[in-house]
Amino acid sequence: AKITKEQAIKLLKEKKDLLDLGIITQEEFDRAKEE
Protein backbone atom coordinates (compact mmCIF):
# COMPACT_ATOMS: atom_id res chain seq x y z
CA ALA A 1 0.00 0.00 0.00
CA LYS A 2 1.03 3.55 -0.76
CA ILE A 3 1.61 5.62 2.33
CA THR A 4 -0.69 8.64 2.77
CA LYS A 5 0.53 12.19 3.41
CA GLU A 6 -0.67 12.01 7.02
CA GLN A 7 1.05 8.66 7.58
CA ALA A 8 4.29 10.02 6.07
CA ILE A 9 4.24 13.07 8.38
CA LYS A 10 3.58 10.88 11.43
CA LEU A 11 6.37 8.50 10.46
CA LEU A 12 8.85 11.33 9.90
CA LYS A 13 7.99 12.82 13.31
CA GLU A 14 8.55 9.40 14.90
CA LYS A 15 11.93 9.15 13.14
CA LYS A 16 12.83 12.64 14.42
CA ASP A 17 11.98 11.57 17.99
CA LEU A 18 14.16 8.47 17.56
CA LEU A 19 17.00 10.68 16.29
CA ASP A 20 16.64 13.05 19.26
CA LEU A 21 16.76 10.07 21.62
CA GLY A 22 19.93 8.79 19.92
CA ILE A 23 18.26 5.55 18.80
CA ILE A 24 18.89 6.16 15.08
CA THR A 25 21.71 8.06 13.35
CA GLN A 26 21.48 11.32 11.42
CA GLU A 27 22.16 9.31 8.25
CA GLU A 28 19.17 7.00 8.93
CA PHE A 29 16.93 10.01 9.61
CA ASP A 30 18.10 11.77 6.43
CA ARG A 31 17.39 8.64 4.37
CA ALA A 32 13.85 8.40 5.83
CA LYS A 33 13.29 12.12 5.22
CA GLU A 34 14.41 11.78 1.60
CA GLU A 35 12.02 8.84 1.04
Full PDB file with SEQRES, HELIX, SHEET, SSBOND, CRYST1, ORIGX, SCALE, CONECT and MASTER records, all heavy atoms in Angstrom:
SEQRES   1 A   35  ALA LYS ILE THR LYS GLU GLN ALA ILE LYS LEU LEU LYS          
SEQRES   2 A   35  GLU LYS LYS ASP LEU LEU ASP LEU GLY ILE ILE THR GLN          
SEQRES   3 A   35  GLU GLU PHE ASP ARG ALA LYS GLU GLU                          
HELIX    1 AA1 LYS A    5  ASP A   20  1                                  16    
HELIX    2 AA2 GLN A   26  GLU A   34  1                                   9    
CRYST1    1.000    1.000    1.000  90.00  90.00  90.00 P 1           1          
ORIGX1      1.000000  0.000000  0.000000        0.00000                         
ORIGX2      0.000000  1.000000  0.000000        0.00000                         
ORIGX3      0.000000  0.000000  1.000000        0.00000                         
SCALE1      1.000000  0.000000  0.000000        0.00000                         
SCALE2      0.000000  1.000000  0.000000        0.00000                         
SCALE3      0.000000  0.000000  1.000000        0.00000                         
ATOM      1  N   ALA A   1       0.826  -1.217   0.000  1.00  0.00           N  
ATOM      2  CA  ALA A   1       0.000   0.000   0.000  1.00  0.00           C  
ATOM      3  C   ALA A   1       0.855   1.260   0.000  1.00  0.00           C  
ATOM      4  O   ALA A   1       1.896   1.319   0.641  1.00  0.00           O  
ATOM      5  CB  ALA A   1      -0.925   0.007   1.216  1.00  0.00           C  
ATOM      6  N   LYS A   2       0.374   2.242  -0.762  1.00  0.00           N  
ATOM      7  CA  LYS A   2       1.028   3.546  -0.757  1.00  0.00           C  
ATOM      8  C   LYS A   2       0.778   4.204   0.595  1.00  0.00           C  
ATOM      9  O   LYS A   2      -0.297   4.073   1.167  1.00  0.00           O  
ATOM     10  CB  LYS A   2       0.438   4.452  -1.842  1.00  0.00           C  
ATOM     11  CG  LYS A   2       0.700   3.995  -3.244  1.00  0.00           C  
ATOM     12  CD  LYS A   2       0.027   4.957  -4.206  1.00  0.00           C  
ATOM     13  CE  LYS A   2       0.113   4.477  -5.622  1.00  0.00           C  
ATOM     14  NZ  LYS A   2      -0.631   5.354  -6.532  1.00  0.00           N  
ATOM     15  N   ILE A   3       1.757   4.911   1.066  1.00  0.00           N  
ATOM     16  CA  ILE A   3       1.612   5.620   2.334  1.00  0.00           C  
ATOM     17  C   ILE A   3       0.919   6.964   2.061  1.00  0.00           C  
ATOM     18  O   ILE A   3       1.185   7.622   1.063  1.00  0.00           O  
ATOM     19  CB  ILE A   3       2.997   5.803   2.998  1.00  0.00           C  
ATOM     20  CG1 ILE A   3       2.858   6.304   4.423  1.00  0.00           C  
ATOM     21  CG2 ILE A   3       3.901   6.680   2.189  1.00  0.00           C  
ATOM     22  CD1 ILE A   3       4.165   6.235   5.206  1.00  0.00           C  
ATOM     23  N   THR A   4       0.009   7.365   2.952  1.00  0.00           N  
ATOM     24  CA  THR A   4      -0.685   8.641   2.774  1.00  0.00           C  
ATOM     25  C   THR A   4       0.187   9.785   3.295  1.00  0.00           C  
ATOM     26  O   THR A   4       1.167   9.563   4.013  1.00  0.00           O  
ATOM     27  CB  THR A   4      -2.019   8.659   3.543  1.00  0.00           C  
ATOM     28  OG1 THR A   4      -1.744   8.602   4.950  1.00  0.00           O  
ATOM     29  CG2 THR A   4      -2.917   7.511   3.130  1.00  0.00           C  
ATOM     30  N   LYS A   5      -0.203  11.001   2.957  1.00  0.00           N  
ATOM     31  CA  LYS A   5       0.535  12.185   3.410  1.00  0.00           C  
ATOM     32  C   LYS A   5       0.562  12.233   4.944  1.00  0.00           C  
ATOM     33  O   LYS A   5       1.605  12.484   5.545  1.00  0.00           O  
ATOM     34  CB  LYS A   5      -0.133  13.437   2.847  1.00  0.00           C  
ATOM     35  CG  LYS A   5       0.550  14.731   3.221  1.00  0.00           C  
ATOM     36  CD  LYS A   5      -0.121  15.921   2.547  1.00  0.00           C  
ATOM     37  CE  LYS A   5       0.612  17.197   2.873  1.00  0.00           C  
ATOM     38  NZ  LYS A   5       0.087  18.340   2.119  1.00  0.00           N  
ATOM     39  N   GLU A   6      -0.581  11.974   5.560  1.00  0.00           N  
ATOM     40  CA  GLU A   6      -0.675  12.009   7.021  1.00  0.00           C  
ATOM     41  C   GLU A   6       0.207  10.939   7.658  1.00  0.00           C  
ATOM     42  O   GLU A   6       0.871  11.180   8.670  1.00  0.00           O  
ATOM     43  CB  GLU A   6      -2.131  11.832   7.471  1.00  0.00           C  
ATOM     44  CG  GLU A   6      -3.046  12.994   7.126  1.00  0.00           C  
ATOM     45  CD  GLU A   6      -3.430  13.060   5.643  1.00  0.00           C  
ATOM     46  OE1 GLU A   6      -3.350  12.024   4.938  1.00  0.00           O  
ATOM     47  OE2 GLU A   6      -3.784  14.157   5.183  1.00  0.00           O  
ATOM     48  N   GLN A   7       0.212   9.743   7.064  1.00  0.00           N  
ATOM     49  CA  GLN A   7       1.053   8.661   7.576  1.00  0.00           C  
ATOM     50  C   GLN A   7       2.536   9.004   7.431  1.00  0.00           C  
ATOM     51  O   GLN A   7       3.339   8.707   8.315  1.00  0.00           O  
ATOM     52  CB  GLN A   7       0.746   7.350   6.842  1.00  0.00           C  
ATOM     53  CG  GLN A   7      -0.615   6.777   7.161  1.00  0.00           C  
ATOM     54  CD  GLN A   7      -0.994   5.633   6.229  1.00  0.00           C  
ATOM     55  OE1 GLN A   7      -0.626   5.610   5.052  1.00  0.00           O  
ATOM     56  NE2 GLN A   7      -1.744   4.677   6.761  1.00  0.00           N  
ATOM     57  N   ALA A   8       2.888   9.640   6.309  1.00  0.00           N  
ATOM     58  CA  ALA A   8       4.288  10.018   6.069  1.00  0.00           C  
ATOM     59  C   ALA A   8       4.751  11.059   7.091  1.00  0.00           C  
ATOM     60  O   ALA A   8       5.862  10.968   7.623  1.00  0.00           O  
ATOM     61  CB  ALA A   8       4.455  10.553   4.652  1.00  0.00           C  
ATOM     62  N   ILE A   9       3.897  12.043   7.389  1.00  0.00           N  
ATOM     63  CA  ILE A   9       4.236  13.071   8.379  1.00  0.00           C  
ATOM     64  C   ILE A   9       4.422  12.432   9.754  1.00  0.00           C  
ATOM     65  O   ILE A   9       5.401  12.716  10.464  1.00  0.00           O  
ATOM     66  CB  ILE A   9       3.145  14.177   8.416  1.00  0.00           C  
ATOM     67  CG1 ILE A   9       3.185  14.992   7.119  1.00  0.00           C  
ATOM     68  CG2 ILE A   9       3.319  15.081   9.634  1.00  0.00           C  
ATOM     69  CD1 ILE A   9       2.011  15.929   6.927  1.00  0.00           C  
ATOM     70  N   LYS A  10       3.494  11.560  10.133  1.00  0.00           N  
ATOM     71  CA  LYS A  10       3.581  10.884  11.433  1.00  0.00           C  
ATOM     72  C   LYS A  10       4.861  10.057  11.527  1.00  0.00           C  
ATOM     73  O   LYS A  10       5.561  10.100  12.550  1.00  0.00           O  
ATOM     74  CB  LYS A  10       2.348   9.989  11.631  1.00  0.00           C  
ATOM     75  CG  LYS A  10       2.323   9.266  12.959  1.00  0.00           C  
ATOM     76  CD  LYS A  10       1.083   8.399  13.090  1.00  0.00           C  
ATOM     77  CE  LYS A  10       1.137   7.629  14.404  1.00  0.00           C  
ATOM     78  NZ  LYS A  10       0.050   6.685  14.535  1.00  0.00           N  
ATOM     79  N   LEU A  11       5.173   9.329  10.472  1.00  0.00           N  
ATOM     80  CA  LEU A  11       6.372   8.498  10.459  1.00  0.00           C  
ATOM     81  C   LEU A  11       7.641   9.338  10.554  1.00  0.00           C  
ATOM     82  O   LEU A  11       8.572   8.996  11.293  1.00  0.00           O  
ATOM     83  CB  LEU A  11       6.394   7.628   9.191  1.00  0.00           C  
ATOM     84  CG  LEU A  11       7.502   6.605   9.080  1.00  0.00           C  
ATOM     85  CD1 LEU A  11       7.507   5.657  10.274  1.00  0.00           C  
ATOM     86  CD2 LEU A  11       7.346   5.816   7.790  1.00  0.00           C  
ATOM     87  N   LEU A  12       7.668  10.456   9.848  1.00  0.00           N  
ATOM     88  CA  LEU A  12       8.848  11.329   9.902  1.00  0.00           C  
ATOM     89  C   LEU A  12       9.023  11.932  11.299  1.00  0.00           C  
ATOM     90  O   LEU A  12      10.149  12.035  11.807  1.00  0.00           O  
ATOM     91  CB  LEU A  12       8.746  12.436   8.846  1.00  0.00           C  
ATOM     92  CG  LEU A  12       9.998  13.281   8.647  1.00  0.00           C  
ATOM     93  CD1 LEU A  12      11.184  12.400   8.247  1.00  0.00           C  
ATOM     94  CD2 LEU A  12       9.753  14.347   7.591  1.00  0.00           C  
ATOM     95  N   LYS A  13       7.914  12.305  11.939  1.00  0.00           N  
ATOM     96  CA  LYS A  13       7.985  12.817  13.313  1.00  0.00           C  
ATOM     97  C   LYS A  13       8.508  11.753  14.273  1.00  0.00           C  
ATOM     98  O   LYS A  13       9.297  12.042  15.177  1.00  0.00           O  
ATOM     99  CB  LYS A  13       6.609  13.318  13.775  1.00  0.00           C  
ATOM    100  CG  LYS A  13       6.204  14.641  13.145  1.00  0.00           C  
ATOM    101  CD  LYS A  13       4.835  15.093  13.624  1.00  0.00           C  
ATOM    102  CE  LYS A  13       4.453  16.414  13.006  1.00  0.00           C  
ATOM    103  NZ  LYS A  13       3.123  16.865  13.433  1.00  0.00           N  
ATOM    104  N   GLU A  14       8.061  10.505  14.063  1.00  0.00           N  
ATOM    105  CA  GLU A  14       8.551   9.399  14.902  1.00  0.00           C  
ATOM    106  C   GLU A  14      10.048   9.193  14.692  1.00  0.00           C  
ATOM    107  O   GLU A  14      10.795   8.968  15.658  1.00  0.00           O  
ATOM    108  CB  GLU A  14       7.790   8.109  14.579  1.00  0.00           C  
ATOM    109  CG  GLU A  14       6.360   8.110  15.059  1.00  0.00           C  
ATOM    110  CD  GLU A  14       5.556   6.906  14.571  1.00  0.00           C  
ATOM    111  OE1 GLU A  14       6.133   6.014  13.904  1.00  0.00           O  
ATOM    112  OE2 GLU A  14       4.345   6.868  14.853  1.00  0.00           O  
ATOM    113  N   LYS A  15      10.499   9.303  13.444  1.00  0.00           N  
ATOM    114  CA  LYS A  15      11.932   9.154  13.143  1.00  0.00           C  
ATOM    115  C   LYS A  15      12.729  10.286  13.795  1.00  0.00           C  
ATOM    116  O   LYS A  15      13.825  10.063  14.306  1.00  0.00           O  
ATOM    117  CB  LYS A  15      12.181   9.146  11.623  1.00  0.00           C  
ATOM    118  CG  LYS A  15      11.597   7.967  10.903  1.00  0.00           C  
ATOM    119  CD  LYS A  15      12.376   6.715  11.144  1.00  0.00           C  
ATOM    120  CE  LYS A  15      11.834   5.560  10.322  1.00  0.00           C  
ATOM    121  NZ  LYS A  15      12.468   4.298  10.629  1.00  0.00           N  
ATOM    122  N   LYS A  16      12.162  11.491  13.797  1.00  0.00           N  
ATOM    123  CA  LYS A  16      12.833  12.639  14.425  1.00  0.00           C  
ATOM    124  C   LYS A  16      12.979  12.407  15.928  1.00  0.00           C  
ATOM    125  O   LYS A  16      14.029  12.683  16.526  1.00  0.00           O  
ATOM    126  CB  LYS A  16      12.051  13.926  14.145  1.00  0.00           C  
ATOM    127  CG  LYS A  16      12.606  15.174  14.809  1.00  0.00           C  
ATOM    128  CD  LYS A  16      13.957  15.563  14.237  1.00  0.00           C  
ATOM    129  CE  LYS A  16      14.340  16.939  14.753  1.00  0.00           C  
ATOM    130  NZ  LYS A  16      15.669  16.957  15.339  1.00  0.00           N  
ATOM    131  N   ASP A  17      11.912  11.888  16.557  1.00  0.00           N  
ATOM    132  CA  ASP A  17      11.975  11.568  17.987  1.00  0.00           C  
ATOM    133  C   ASP A  17      13.055  10.526  18.260  1.00  0.00           C  
ATOM    134  O   ASP A  17      13.807  10.634  19.237  1.00  0.00           O  
ATOM    135  CB  ASP A  17      10.619  11.055  18.492  1.00  0.00           C  
ATOM    136  CG  ASP A  17       9.559  12.147  18.545  1.00  0.00           C  
ATOM    137  OD1 ASP A  17       9.927  13.351  18.502  1.00  0.00           O  
ATOM    138  OD2 ASP A  17       8.364  11.796  18.622  1.00  0.00           O  
ATOM    139  N   LEU A  18      13.140   9.507  17.398  1.00  0.00           N  
ATOM    140  CA  LEU A  18      14.164   8.473  17.559  1.00  0.00           C  
ATOM    141  C   LEU A  18      15.571   9.053  17.384  1.00  0.00           C  
ATOM    142  O   LEU A  18      16.504   8.654  18.092  1.00  0.00           O  
ATOM    143  CB  LEU A  18      13.934   7.333  16.561  1.00  0.00           C  
ATOM    144  CG  LEU A  18      12.671   6.499  16.776  1.00  0.00           C  
ATOM    145  CD1 LEU A  18      12.491   5.494  15.632  1.00  0.00           C  
ATOM    146  CD2 LEU A  18      12.725   5.769  18.113  1.00  0.00           C  
ATOM    147  N   LEU A  19      15.708  10.009  16.478  1.00  0.00           N  
ATOM    148  CA  LEU A  19      16.996  10.684  16.285  1.00  0.00           C  
ATOM    149  C   LEU A  19      17.363  11.476  17.531  1.00  0.00           C  
ATOM    150  O   LEU A  19      18.495  11.386  18.029  1.00  0.00           O  
ATOM    151  CB  LEU A  19      16.935  11.611  15.063  1.00  0.00           C  
ATOM    152  CG  LEU A  19      18.176  12.467  14.812  1.00  0.00           C  
ATOM    153  CD1 LEU A  19      19.377  11.583  14.461  1.00  0.00           C  
ATOM    154  CD2 LEU A  19      17.911  13.481  13.699  1.00  0.00           C  
ATOM    155  N   ASP A  20      16.408  12.245  18.059  1.00  0.00           N  
ATOM    156  CA  ASP A  20      16.640  13.047  19.259  1.00  0.00           C  
ATOM    157  C   ASP A  20      17.000  12.188  20.473  1.00  0.00           C  
ATOM    158  O   ASP A  20      17.755  12.618  21.346  1.00  0.00           O  
ATOM    159  CB  ASP A  20      15.415  13.912  19.586  1.00  0.00           C  
ATOM    160  CG  ASP A  20      15.167  14.986  18.525  1.00  0.00           C  
ATOM    161  OD1 ASP A  20      16.102  15.277  17.730  1.00  0.00           O  
ATOM    162  OD2 ASP A  20      14.042  15.519  18.471  1.00  0.00           O  
ATOM    163  N   LEU A  21      16.460  10.980  20.524  1.00  0.00           N  
ATOM    164  CA  LEU A  21      16.760  10.069  21.624  1.00  0.00           C  
ATOM    165  C   LEU A  21      18.073   9.307  21.400  1.00  0.00           C  
ATOM    166  O   LEU A  21      18.507   8.554  22.276  1.00  0.00           O  
ATOM    167  CB  LEU A  21      15.614   9.060  21.811  1.00  0.00           C  
ATOM    168  CG  LEU A  21      14.290   9.650  22.296  1.00  0.00           C  
ATOM    169  CD1 LEU A  21      13.170   8.616  22.160  1.00  0.00           C  
ATOM    170  CD2 LEU A  21      14.418  10.110  23.742  1.00  0.00           C  
ATOM    171  N   GLY A  22      18.666   9.470  20.224  1.00  0.00           N  
ATOM    172  CA  GLY A  22      19.929   8.795  19.920  1.00  0.00           C  
ATOM    173  C   GLY A  22      19.759   7.335  19.523  1.00  0.00           C  
ATOM    174  O   GLY A  22      20.721   6.570  19.510  1.00  0.00           O  
ATOM    175  N   ILE A  23      18.532   6.944  19.169  1.00  0.00           N  
ATOM    176  CA  ILE A  23      18.262   5.550  18.802  1.00  0.00           C  
ATOM    177  C   ILE A  23      18.639   5.280  17.344  1.00  0.00           C  
ATOM    178  O   ILE A  23      19.074   4.186  17.007  1.00  0.00           O  
ATOM    179  CB  ILE A  23      16.793   5.193  19.095  1.00  0.00           C  
ATOM    180  CG1 ILE A  23      16.556   5.285  20.610  1.00  0.00           C  
ATOM    181  CG2 ILE A  23      16.429   3.820  18.558  1.00  0.00           C  
ATOM    182  CD1 ILE A  23      15.126   5.136  21.035  1.00  0.00           C  
ATOM    183  N   ILE A  24      18.457   6.290  16.476  1.00  0.00           N  
ATOM    184  CA  ILE A  24      18.894   6.163  15.084  1.00  0.00           C  
ATOM    185  C   ILE A  24      19.911   7.261  14.786  1.00  0.00           C  
ATOM    186  O   ILE A  24      19.998   8.267  15.504  1.00  0.00           O  
ATOM    187  CB  ILE A  24      17.711   6.229  14.078  1.00  0.00           C  
ATOM    188  CG1 ILE A  24      17.015   7.604  14.122  1.00  0.00           C  
ATOM    189  CG2 ILE A  24      16.730   5.102  14.315  1.00  0.00           C  
ATOM    190  CD1 ILE A  24      15.995   7.797  13.003  1.00  0.00           C  
ATOM    191  N   THR A  25      20.677   7.087  13.722  1.00  0.00           N  
ATOM    192  CA  THR A  25      21.710   8.056  13.348  1.00  0.00           C  
ATOM    193  C   THR A  25      21.125   9.154  12.466  1.00  0.00           C  
ATOM    194  O   THR A  25      20.026   9.003  11.917  1.00  0.00           O  
ATOM    195  CB  THR A  25      22.851   7.361  12.575  1.00  0.00           C  
ATOM    196  OG1 THR A  25      22.322   6.877  11.331  1.00  0.00           O  
ATOM    197  CG2 THR A  25      23.460   6.218  13.379  1.00  0.00           C  
ATOM    198  N   GLN A  26      21.884  10.223  12.309  1.00  0.00           N  
ATOM    199  CA  GLN A  26      21.475  11.318  11.418  1.00  0.00           C  
ATOM    200  C   GLN A  26      21.324  10.791   9.990  1.00  0.00           C  
ATOM    201  O   GLN A  26      20.408  11.183   9.272  1.00  0.00           O  
ATOM    202  CB  GLN A  26      22.506  12.457  11.459  1.00  0.00           C  
ATOM    203  CG  GLN A  26      22.143  13.668  10.607  1.00  0.00           C  
ATOM    204  CD  GLN A  26      20.921  14.412  11.117  1.00  0.00           C  
ATOM    205  OE1 GLN A  26      20.810  14.689  12.302  1.00  0.00           O  
ATOM    206  NE2 GLN A  26      19.999  14.759  10.228  1.00  0.00           N  
ATOM    207  N   GLU A  27      22.204   9.888   9.603  1.00  0.00           N  
ATOM    208  CA  GLU A  27      22.156   9.306   8.254  1.00  0.00           C  
ATOM    209  C   GLU A  27      20.849   8.537   8.039  1.00  0.00           C  
ATOM    210  O   GLU A  27      20.219   8.657   6.983  1.00  0.00           O  
ATOM    211  CB  GLU A  27      23.354   8.373   8.059  1.00  0.00           C  
ATOM    212  CG  GLU A  27      23.463   7.788   6.673  1.00  0.00           C  
ATOM    213  CD  GLU A  27      24.668   6.868   6.544  1.00  0.00           C  
ATOM    214  OE1 GLU A  27      25.807   7.343   6.744  1.00  0.00           O  
ATOM    215  OE2 GLU A  27      24.439   5.677   6.245  1.00  0.00           O  
ATOM    216  N   GLU A  28      20.420   7.752   9.034  1.00  0.00           N  
ATOM    217  CA  GLU A  28      19.172   6.996   8.927  1.00  0.00           C  
ATOM    218  C   GLU A  28      17.969   7.941   8.853  1.00  0.00           C  
ATOM    219  O   GLU A  28      17.031   7.725   8.080  1.00  0.00           O  
ATOM    220  CB  GLU A  28      19.011   6.046  10.119  1.00  0.00           C  
ATOM    221  CG  GLU A  28      19.987   4.878  10.107  1.00  0.00           C  
ATOM    222  CD  GLU A  28      19.970   4.075  11.388  1.00  0.00           C  
ATOM    223  OE1 GLU A  28      20.038   4.690  12.483  1.00  0.00           O  
ATOM    224  OE2 GLU A  28      19.873   2.835  11.293  1.00  0.00           O  
ATOM    225  N   PHE A  29      18.013   9.023   9.646  1.00  0.00           N  
ATOM    226  CA  PHE A  29      16.932  10.006   9.610  1.00  0.00           C  
ATOM    227  C   PHE A  29      16.877  10.692   8.252  1.00  0.00           C  
ATOM    228  O   PHE A  29      15.802  10.859   7.669  1.00  0.00           O  
ATOM    229  CB  PHE A  29      17.095  11.050  10.712  1.00  0.00           C  
ATOM    230  CG  PHE A  29      16.088  12.171  10.611  1.00  0.00           C  
ATOM    231  CD1 PHE A  29      14.781  11.974  11.019  1.00  0.00           C  
ATOM    232  CD2 PHE A  29      16.443  13.398  10.079  1.00  0.00           C  
ATOM    233  CE1 PHE A  29      13.838  12.992  10.910  1.00  0.00           C  
ATOM    234  CE2 PHE A  29      15.509  14.422   9.963  1.00  0.00           C  
ATOM    235  CZ  PHE A  29      14.201  14.216  10.376  1.00  0.00           C  
ATOM    236  N   ASP A  30      18.045  11.084   7.734  1.00  0.00           N  
ATOM    237  CA  ASP A  30      18.101  11.765   6.433  1.00  0.00           C  
ATOM    238  C   ASP A  30      17.563  10.872   5.319  1.00  0.00           C  
ATOM    239  O   ASP A  30      16.867  11.345   4.406  1.00  0.00           O  
ATOM    240  CB  ASP A  30      19.530  12.212   6.115  1.00  0.00           C  
ATOM    241  CG  ASP A  30      20.008  13.348   7.020  1.00  0.00           C  
ATOM    242  OD1 ASP A  30      19.147  14.010   7.652  1.00  0.00           O  
ATOM    243  OD2 ASP A  30      21.231  13.555   7.106  1.00  0.00           O  
ATOM    244  N   ARG A  31      17.880   9.587   5.380  1.00  0.00           N  
ATOM    245  CA  ARG A  31      17.391   8.638   4.373  1.00  0.00           C  
ATOM    246  C   ARG A  31      15.865   8.546   4.440  1.00  0.00           C  
ATOM    247  O   ARG A  31      15.171   8.566   3.421  1.00  0.00           O  
ATOM    248  CB  ARG A  31      18.037   7.277   4.586  1.00  0.00           C  
ATOM    249  CG  ARG A  31      17.775   6.291   3.480  1.00  0.00           C  
ATOM    250  CD  ARG A  31      18.549   4.986   3.572  1.00  0.00           C  
ATOM    251  NE  ARG A  31      18.763   4.510   4.926  1.00  0.00           N  
ATOM    252  CZ  ARG A  31      19.974   4.362   5.490  1.00  0.00           C  
ATOM    253  NH1 ARG A  31      21.067   4.641   4.816  1.00  0.00           N  
ATOM    254  NH2 ARG A  31      20.095   3.926   6.724  1.00  0.00           N  
ATOM    255  N   ALA A  32      15.303   8.458   5.659  1.00  0.00           N  
ATOM    256  CA  ALA A  32      13.851   8.398   5.831  1.00  0.00           C  
ATOM    257  C   ALA A  32      13.200   9.690   5.342  1.00  0.00           C  
ATOM    258  O   ALA A  32      12.162   9.663   4.667  1.00  0.00           O  
ATOM    259  CB  ALA A  32      13.498   8.149   7.294  1.00  0.00           C  
ATOM    260  N   LYS A  33      13.818  10.815   5.643  1.00  0.00           N  
ATOM    261  CA  LYS A  33      13.291  12.123   5.219  1.00  0.00           C  
ATOM    262  C   LYS A  33      13.261  12.218   3.699  1.00  0.00           C  
ATOM    263  O   LYS A  33      12.282  12.685   3.108  1.00  0.00           O  
ATOM    264  CB  LYS A  33      14.139  13.244   5.814  1.00  0.00           C  
ATOM    265  CG  LYS A  33      13.636  14.633   5.493  1.00  0.00           C  
ATOM    266  CD  LYS A  33      14.501  15.687   6.160  1.00  0.00           C  
ATOM    267  CE  LYS A  33      14.029  17.072   5.804  1.00  0.00           C  
ATOM    268  NZ  LYS A  33      14.888  18.118   6.407  1.00  0.00           N  
ATOM    269  N   GLU A  34      14.329  11.746   3.066  1.00  0.00           N  
ATOM    270  CA  GLU A  34      14.415  11.784   1.603  1.00  0.00           C  
ATOM    271  C   GLU A  34      13.320  10.912   0.977  1.00  0.00           C  
ATOM    272  O   GLU A  34      12.715  11.295  -0.029  1.00  0.00           O  
ATOM    273  CB  GLU A  34      15.790  11.291   1.162  1.00  0.00           C  
ATOM    274  CG  GLU A  34      16.032  11.394  -0.323  1.00  0.00           C  
ATOM    275  CD  GLU A  34      17.437  10.935  -0.690  1.00  0.00           C  
ATOM    276  OE1 GLU A  34      18.375  11.148   0.089  1.00  0.00           O  
ATOM    277  OE2 GLU A  34      17.573  10.339  -1.773  1.00  0.00           O  
ATOM    278  N   GLU A  35      13.049   9.747   1.570  1.00  0.00           N  
ATOM    279  CA  GLU A  35      12.020   8.838   1.045  1.00  0.00           C  
ATOM    280  C   GLU A  35      10.614   9.373   1.265  1.00  0.00           C  
ATOM    281  O   GLU A  35       9.735   9.203   0.411  1.00  0.00           O  
ATOM    282  CB  GLU A  35      12.134   7.471   1.717  1.00  0.00           C  
ATOM    283  CG  GLU A  35      13.375   6.689   1.319  1.00  0.00           C  
ATOM    284  CD  GLU A  35      13.561   5.420   2.145  1.00  0.00           C  
ATOM    285  OE1 GLU A  35      12.664   5.078   2.963  1.00  0.00           O  
ATOM    286  OE2 GLU A  35      14.595   4.775   1.976  1.00  0.00           O  
TER     287      GLU A  35                                                      
MASTER        0    0    0    2    0    0    0    6  286    1    0    3          
END                                                                             
